[in-house]
Structures are given as structure tokens and as C-alpha cells.
C-alpha atoms as a PDB file:
ATOM      1  CA  MET A   1     -26.214   1.192  -4.770  1.00  0.00           C
ATOM      2  CA  SER A   2     -23.242   0.262  -7.311  1.00  0.00           C
ATOM      3  CA  VAL A   3     -22.682  -1.940  -9.990  1.00  0.00           C
ATOM      4  CA  PRO A   4     -22.405  -5.752  -9.564  1.00  0.00           C
ATOM      5  CA  SER A   5     -18.890  -6.746 -10.347  1.00  0.00           C
ATOM      6  CA  ARG A   6     -18.370  -9.268 -12.470  1.00  0.00           C
ATOM      7  CA  ARG A   7     -15.268 -11.603 -13.719  1.00  0.00           C
ATOM      8  CA  LEU A   8     -12.220  -9.787 -14.321  1.00  0.00           C
ATOM      9  CA  GLU A   9      -9.905 -11.576 -16.526  1.00  0.00           C
ATOM     10  CA  THR A  10      -6.054 -10.646 -17.291  1.00  0.00           C
ATOM     11  CA  GLU A  11      -3.588 -12.143 -19.419  1.00  0.00           C
ATOM     12  CA  ARG A  12      -2.854 -14.346 -16.454  1.00  0.00           C
ATOM     13  CA  LEU A  13      -5.637 -14.098 -13.905  1.00  0.00           C
ATOM     14  CA  PHE A  14      -9.009 -14.727 -12.874  1.00  0.00           C
ATOM     15  CA  VAL A  15     -10.415 -11.539 -10.824  1.00  0.00           C
ATOM     16  CA  ASP A  16     -13.506 -13.735  -9.331  1.00  0.00           C
ATOM     17  CA  PRO A  17     -16.183 -12.282  -7.531  1.00  0.00           C
ATOM     18  CA  TYR A  18     -15.876 -13.857  -3.882  1.00  0.00           C
ATOM     19  CA  SER A  19     -17.673 -16.704  -2.870  1.00  0.00           C
ATOM     20  CA  GLU A  20     -17.616 -18.940   0.201  1.00  0.00           C
ATOM     21  CA  THR A  21     -15.883 -21.109  -2.048  1.00  0.00           C
ATOM     22  CA  TYR A  22     -12.179 -19.199  -1.554  1.00  0.00           C
ATOM     23  CA  VAL A  23     -12.598 -19.023   2.537  1.00  0.00           C
ATOM     24  CA  THR A  24     -10.206 -21.882   2.652  1.00  0.00           C
ATOM     25  CA  PRO A  25      -7.506 -22.884   5.366  1.00  0.00           C
ATOM     26  CA  ALA A  26      -4.820 -21.261   2.974  1.00  0.00           C
ATOM     27  CA  TYR A  27      -7.188 -18.043   3.086  1.00  0.00           C
ATOM     28  CA  VAL A  28      -7.027 -18.299   6.834  1.00  0.00           C
ATOM     29  CA  GLY A  29      -3.780 -19.208   6.873  1.00  0.00           C
ATOM     30  CA  TRP A  30      -2.351 -15.931   5.066  1.00  0.00           C
ATOM     31  CA  LEU A  31      -4.405 -13.463   7.261  1.00  0.00           C
ATOM     32  CA  ASN A  32      -2.387 -14.883  10.511  1.00  0.00           C
ATOM     33  CA  ASP A  33       0.903 -15.315   8.697  1.00  0.00           C
ATOM     34  CA  PRO A  34       2.704 -12.239  10.130  1.00  0.00           C
ATOM     35  CA  GLU A  35       4.947 -11.937   7.038  1.00  0.00           C
ATOM     36  CA  VAL A  36       2.323 -11.864   4.767  1.00  0.00           C
ATOM     37  CA  VAL A  37       0.126  -9.416   7.124  1.00  0.00           C
ATOM     38  CA  LYS A  38       2.988  -7.649   8.282  1.00  0.00           C
ATOM     39  CA  TYR A  39       2.441  -4.062   6.560  1.00  0.00           C
ATOM     40  CA  SER A  40      -1.521  -4.120   7.503  1.00  0.00           C
ATOM     41  CA  GLU A  41      -3.629  -3.445  10.411  1.00  0.00           C
ATOM     42  CA  ASN A  42      -4.663  -6.750  10.791  1.00  0.00           C
ATOM     43  CA  ARG A  43      -1.217  -7.904  12.110  1.00  0.00           C
ATOM     44  CA  TYR A  44      -2.799  -7.318  15.681  1.00  0.00           C
ATOM     45  CA  ARG A  45      -6.057 -10.224  14.998  1.00  0.00           C
ATOM     46  CA  THR A  46      -6.326 -14.074  14.950  1.00  0.00           C
ATOM     47  CA  PHE A  47      -8.707 -15.105  12.529  1.00  0.00           C
ATOM     48  CA  THR A  48     -10.774 -17.905  11.886  1.00  0.00           C
ATOM     49  CA  LEU A  49     -12.939 -19.499   9.385  1.00  0.00           C
ATOM     50  CA  GLU A  50     -16.036 -18.341  10.928  1.00  0.00           C
ATOM     51  CA  GLY A  51     -14.939 -14.752  10.976  1.00  0.00           C
ATOM     52  CA  CYS A  52     -13.524 -15.187   7.573  1.00  0.00           C
ATOM     53  CA  ARG A  53     -17.134 -15.851   6.328  1.00  0.00           C
ATOM     54  CA  ASP A  54     -18.575 -13.273   8.525  1.00  0.00           C
ATOM     55  CA  TYR A  55     -16.102 -10.697   6.269  1.00  0.00           C
ATOM     56  CA  VAL A  56     -17.185 -12.258   2.869  1.00  0.00           C
ATOM     57  CA  ALA A  57     -20.759 -12.069   4.205  1.00  0.00           C
ATOM     58  CA  SER A  58     -20.373  -8.541   5.652  1.00  0.00           C
ATOM     59  CA  PHE A  59     -20.326  -7.713   1.174  1.00  0.00           C
ATOM     60  CA  ALA A  60     -23.802  -8.286   0.629  1.00  0.00           C
ATOM     61  CA  GLY A  61     -26.197  -6.085  -0.124  1.00  0.00           C
ATOM     62  CA  SER A  62     -22.678  -3.280   0.080  1.00  0.00           C
ATOM     63  CA  PRO A  63     -21.711  -0.781  -1.823  1.00  0.00           C
ATOM     64  CA  ASN A  64     -18.701  -2.426  -1.743  1.00  0.00           C
ATOM     65  CA  TYR A  65     -16.730  -4.890  -3.586  1.00  0.00           C
ATOM     66  CA  LEU A  66     -14.830  -8.042  -2.526  1.00  0.00           C
ATOM     67  CA  TRP A  67     -12.468 -10.407  -5.712  1.00  0.00           C
ATOM     68  CA  ALA A  68     -10.533 -13.068  -5.028  1.00  0.00           C
ATOM     69  CA  ILE A  69      -6.957 -13.613  -7.594  1.00  0.00           C
ATOM     70  CA  VAL A  70      -7.011 -16.501  -9.285  1.00  0.00           C
ATOM     71  CA  ARG A  71      -4.063 -18.057 -11.322  1.00  0.00           C
ATOM     72  CA  GLN A  72      -5.668 -19.096 -14.504  1.00  0.00           C
ATOM     73  CA  ASP A  73      -3.342 -21.781 -15.547  1.00  0.00           C
ATOM     74  CA  THR A  74      -3.839 -23.368 -11.974  1.00  0.00           C
ATOM     75  CA  GLY A  75      -6.800 -22.341 -10.522  1.00  0.00           C
ATOM     76  CA  GLN A  76      -4.673 -21.782  -7.269  1.00  0.00           C
ATOM     77  CA  HIS A  77      -6.633 -18.736  -5.282  1.00  0.00           C
ATOM     78  CA  ILE A  78      -3.621 -16.800  -4.654  1.00  0.00           C
ATOM     79  CA  GLY A  79      -5.078 -13.329  -2.911  1.00  0.00           C
ATOM     80  CA  ASN A  80      -7.988 -10.860  -2.558  1.00  0.00           C
ATOM     81  CA  ILE A  81      -8.507  -7.628  -3.404  1.00  0.00           C
ATOM     82  CA  ASN A  82     -11.451  -4.968  -2.127  1.00  0.00           C
ATOM     83  CA  ALA A  83     -13.005  -1.766  -2.822  1.00  0.00           C
ATOM     84  CA  TYR A  84     -14.339   0.039  -0.303  1.00  0.00           C
ATOM     85  CA  VAL A  85     -17.261   3.240  -2.252  1.00  0.00           C
ATOM     86  CA  ASP A  86     -18.080   5.817  -1.378  1.00  0.00           C
ATOM     87  CA  VAL A  87     -21.091   6.153  -3.505  1.00  0.00           C
ATOM     88  CA  PRO A  88     -22.355   9.835  -3.747  1.00  0.00           C
ATOM     89  CA  ASN A  89     -18.805  10.780  -4.012  1.00  0.00           C
ATOM     90  CA  LYS A  90     -18.077   8.203  -6.650  1.00  0.00           C
ATOM     91  CA  LEU A  91     -14.730   6.721  -5.268  1.00  0.00           C
ATOM     92  CA  ALA A  92     -13.389   3.540  -4.363  1.00  0.00           C
ATOM     93  CA  ASP A  93     -10.634   2.762  -1.796  1.00  0.00           C
ATOM     94  CA  VAL A  94      -8.763  -0.319  -2.798  1.00  0.00           C
ATOM     95  CA  GLY A  95      -7.197  -2.668  -1.135  1.00  0.00           C
ATOM     96  CA  ILE A  96      -5.260  -5.739  -1.792  1.00  0.00           C
ATOM     97  CA  MET A  97      -3.381  -9.165  -0.703  1.00  0.00           C
ATOM     98  CA  VAL A  98      -1.169 -11.666  -2.417  1.00  0.00           C
ATOM     99  CA  GLY A  99      -1.565 -14.268   0.607  1.00  0.00           C
ATOM    100  CA  GLU A 100       0.512 -17.213  -1.198  1.00  0.00           C
ATOM    101  CA  ARG A 101       3.778 -16.331  -0.932  1.00  0.00           C
ATOM    102  CA  SER A 102       5.121 -18.048  -3.830  1.00  0.00           C
ATOM    103  CA  CYS A 103       3.402 -15.817  -6.085  1.00  0.00           C
ATOM    104  CA  TRP A 104       5.301 -12.772  -4.406  1.00  0.00           C
ATOM    105  CA  GLY A 105       6.971 -10.651  -7.286  1.00  0.00           C
ATOM    106  CA  GLY A 106       5.660 -12.249 -10.145  1.00  0.00           C
ATOM    107  CA  GLY A 107       3.840  -9.221 -10.942  1.00  0.00           C
ATOM    108  CA  TYR A 108       0.230 -10.730 -10.306  1.00  0.00           C
ATOM    109  CA  GLY A 109      -0.559  -8.098  -7.407  1.00  0.00           C
ATOM    110  CA  LEU A 110       0.005  -5.253 -10.048  1.00  0.00           C
ATOM    111  CA  GLU A 111      -2.134  -7.505 -12.945  1.00  0.00           C
ATOM    112  CA  ALA A 112      -5.134  -7.848 -10.550  1.00  0.00           C
ATOM    113  CA  TRP A 113      -5.187  -4.291  -9.437  1.00  0.00           C
ATOM    114  CA  ASN A 114      -4.688  -2.967 -12.664  1.00  0.00           C
ATOM    115  CA  ALA A 115      -7.921  -4.952 -13.743  1.00  0.00           C
ATOM    116  CA  VAL A 116      -9.519  -3.742 -11.031  1.00  0.00           C
ATOM    117  CA  CYS A 117      -8.738  -0.250 -10.826  1.00  0.00           C
ATOM    118  CA  THR A 118      -9.670   0.103 -14.680  1.00  0.00           C
ATOM    119  CA  TRP A 119     -13.551  -1.378 -13.807  1.00  0.00           C
ATOM    120  CA  LEU A 120     -14.007   0.634 -10.895  1.00  0.00           C
ATOM    121  CA  LEU A 121     -12.591   3.709 -13.209  1.00  0.00           C
ATOM    122  CA  SER A 122     -15.001   2.810 -15.921  1.00  0.00           C
ATOM    123  CA  GLU A 123     -18.303  -0.032 -15.931  1.00  0.00           C
ATOM    124  CA  ALA A 124     -18.442   1.157 -11.795  1.00  0.00           C
ATOM    125  CA  GLY A 125     -18.380   5.059 -12.796  1.00  0.00           C
ATOM    126  CA  MET A 126     -16.317   5.562 -10.342  1.00  0.00           C
ATOM    127  CA  ARG A 127     -14.741   9.354 -10.396  1.00  0.00           C
ATOM    128  CA  LYS A 128     -11.565   8.351  -8.234  1.00  0.00           C
ATOM    129  CA  VAL A 129      -9.807   5.304  -6.996  1.00  0.00           C
ATOM    130  CA  THR A 130      -7.960   5.871  -3.757  1.00  0.00           C
ATOM    131  CA  ALA A 131      -4.930   3.541  -2.074  1.00  0.00           C
ATOM    132  CA  GLY A 132      -2.388   3.871   1.170  1.00  0.00           C
ATOM    133  CA  THR A 133       0.236   2.071   2.632  1.00  0.00           C
ATOM    134  CA  LEU A 134       3.121   2.300   5.312  1.00  0.00           C
ATOM    135  CA  ASP A 135       5.857   4.095   3.942  1.00  0.00           C
ATOM    136  CA  THR A 136       7.896   0.676   4.317  1.00  0.00           C
ATOM    137  CA  ASN A 137       5.829  -1.361   2.202  1.00  0.00           C
ATOM    138  CA  ILE A 138       8.239  -1.277  -1.032  1.00  0.00           C
ATOM    139  CA  GLY A 139       5.851  -3.783  -2.779  1.00  0.00           C
ATOM    140  CA  MET A 140       2.611  -1.725  -2.243  1.00  0.00           C
ATOM    141  CA  LYS A 141       4.371   1.294  -3.046  1.00  0.00           C
ATOM    142  CA  ARG A 142       5.732   0.086  -6.539  1.00  0.00           C
ATOM    143  CA  ILE A 143       2.415  -1.259  -7.461  1.00  0.00           C
ATOM    144  CA  MET A 144       0.400   2.298  -6.781  1.00  0.00           C
ATOM    145  CA  GLU A 145       3.634   3.837  -8.923  1.00  0.00           C
ATOM    146  CA  LYS A 146       3.285   1.356 -11.710  1.00  0.00           C
ATOM    147  CA  SER A 147      -0.129   1.596 -12.135  1.00  0.00           C
ATOM    148  CA  GLY A 148       0.114   5.065 -12.358  1.00  0.00           C
ATOM    149  CA  MET A 149      -1.293   6.411  -9.595  1.00  0.00           C
ATOM    150  CA  ILE A 150      -0.520  10.346  -8.472  1.00  0.00           C
ATOM    151  CA  PRO A 151       0.076  10.847  -4.219  1.00  0.00           C
ATOM    152  CA  ASP A 152      -2.530  11.484  -2.582  1.00  0.00           C
ATOM    153  CA  GLY A 153      -1.358  12.667   0.505  1.00  0.00           C
ATOM    154  CA  ARG A 154       0.436  11.227   3.834  1.00  0.00           C
ATOM    155  CA  ARG A 155      -0.184  10.698   7.592  1.00  0.00           C
ATOM    156  CA  VAL A 156       3.010  11.672   9.062  1.00  0.00           C
ATOM    157  CA  ARG A 157       4.158   8.911  12.055  1.00  0.00           C
ATOM    158  CA  GLN A 158       0.270   7.582  11.612  1.00  0.00           C
ATOM    159  CA  TYR A 159       1.433   3.892  12.710  1.00  0.00           C
ATOM    160  CA  ILE A 160       3.556   1.773  14.831  1.00  0.00           C
ATOM    161  CA  ASN A 161       5.393  -1.062  12.683  1.00  0.00           C
ATOM    162  CA  ALA A 162       8.320  -2.880  13.702  1.00  0.00           C
ATOM    163  CA  GLY A 163       8.912  -0.792  16.524  1.00  0.00           C
ATOM    164  CA  GLU A 164       8.861   2.434  14.453  1.00  0.00           C
ATOM    165  CA  GLU A 165       6.939   5.439  13.644  1.00  0.00           C
ATOM    166  CA  VAL A 166       6.001   5.033   9.896  1.00  0.00           C
ATOM    167  CA  ASP A 167       4.063   7.627   7.811  1.00  0.00           C
ATOM    168  CA  VAL A 168       0.973   6.639   5.781  1.00  0.00           C
ATOM    169  CA  VAL A 169       1.187   7.487   2.377  1.00  0.00           C
ATOM    170  CA  TYR A 170      -1.971   7.759  -0.546  1.00  0.00           C
ATOM    171  CA  ALA A 171      -2.001   7.780  -3.767  1.00  0.00           C
ATOM    172  CA  ALA A 172      -5.136   8.065  -6.309  1.00  0.00           C
ATOM    173  CA  LEU A 173      -6.122   7.597  -9.945  1.00  0.00           C
ATOM    174  CA  PHE A 174      -9.129   9.584 -11.783  1.00  0.00           C
ATOM    175  CA  ALA A 175     -11.827   8.844 -14.435  1.00  0.00           C
ATOM    176  CA  ALA A 176     -10.999  10.537 -17.643  1.00  0.00           C
ATOM    177  CA  ARG A 177     -12.553  13.527 -18.427  1.00  0.00           C
END
């Protein structure tokens, strides 16, 4: 089993362990907004409050983590970040969604990403943190690069996005030895 998550604080954010209080119509709206999910496989689904509650509940009793990204200055929930953990291999695969469009480009995603990756590689005892994204997702590729992740593979022509075949690129961070 993994280490219980706790609230992570950054300069501008709280990265809170997720609770059902964050399952709101705004959250469901992000998931149903084609612009928000245009690089995600979630773009093929329709979301409901009930389905989102089920997703949040699926983390209970698992080694995986789910956090809400919350601005300290306003208390506004602006996104989510998760980590799927392979316990025997001390490996976590992290994903993020900044759903609140007014916060795009403000560095909030990178700030939350760095807090979570640092916590996973230290307190949670992971030896490797990974991420993957469509090669066309410039924002996510910047987060991976600016956080210090190194290239960790590529799946060529893996998905179709906007009618084009697109590679998936992977990156990784490692715990200090």
C-alpha cells in the first residue's frame, strides 16, 4: 500500500487530497468541454456527476492518488492531478488537467506538477515518476520539460487526434540515489 496523501502547499496553490466536495457541475463541465479534453482520451466520453463521483470513489483503498488543484488566493478549484502507482516497482504515472480555462498559461499546472512529483519521489517513496502525452500537446510537453523530466520513449502514430495520426511521447523523473 502507498503512503496516505496529504495537502501539498506551493507558493500559490493547495494541492488537496480529493474529496467528493470537488465533484461539482464546474468539474463535470471541464470534462465535457472539447477544448479542455482535446488531448485526452476523455474526449470520446460524456461525463455526469454520478460518473465523476464513481471515479473519485475508485481511488479509495487503492495505491493511487487523486488531488484537487486549488488557488490559495481565491479558494477556486482549477484542476485535478492524479498518480497511478505500481507499488512493487515503486513507479507512479502522473496525469493533470487544468480545467479552469482562465488559469491556462499562468504556470499553475507546472506548480502543482512539481509539488506532486517531488512528494511522490520523496515522502511516497517512488523511485520513478512517469508521464505521457500526445506529441501535439505543447502545454503538457512544456510541463514535462520544465519539471526536469527526461525523454522516456515514444509510441509512433499511436492515436488519432483532430484527424491526424499522432505520436505519444513519454518522460520520466527519478529519485536521487
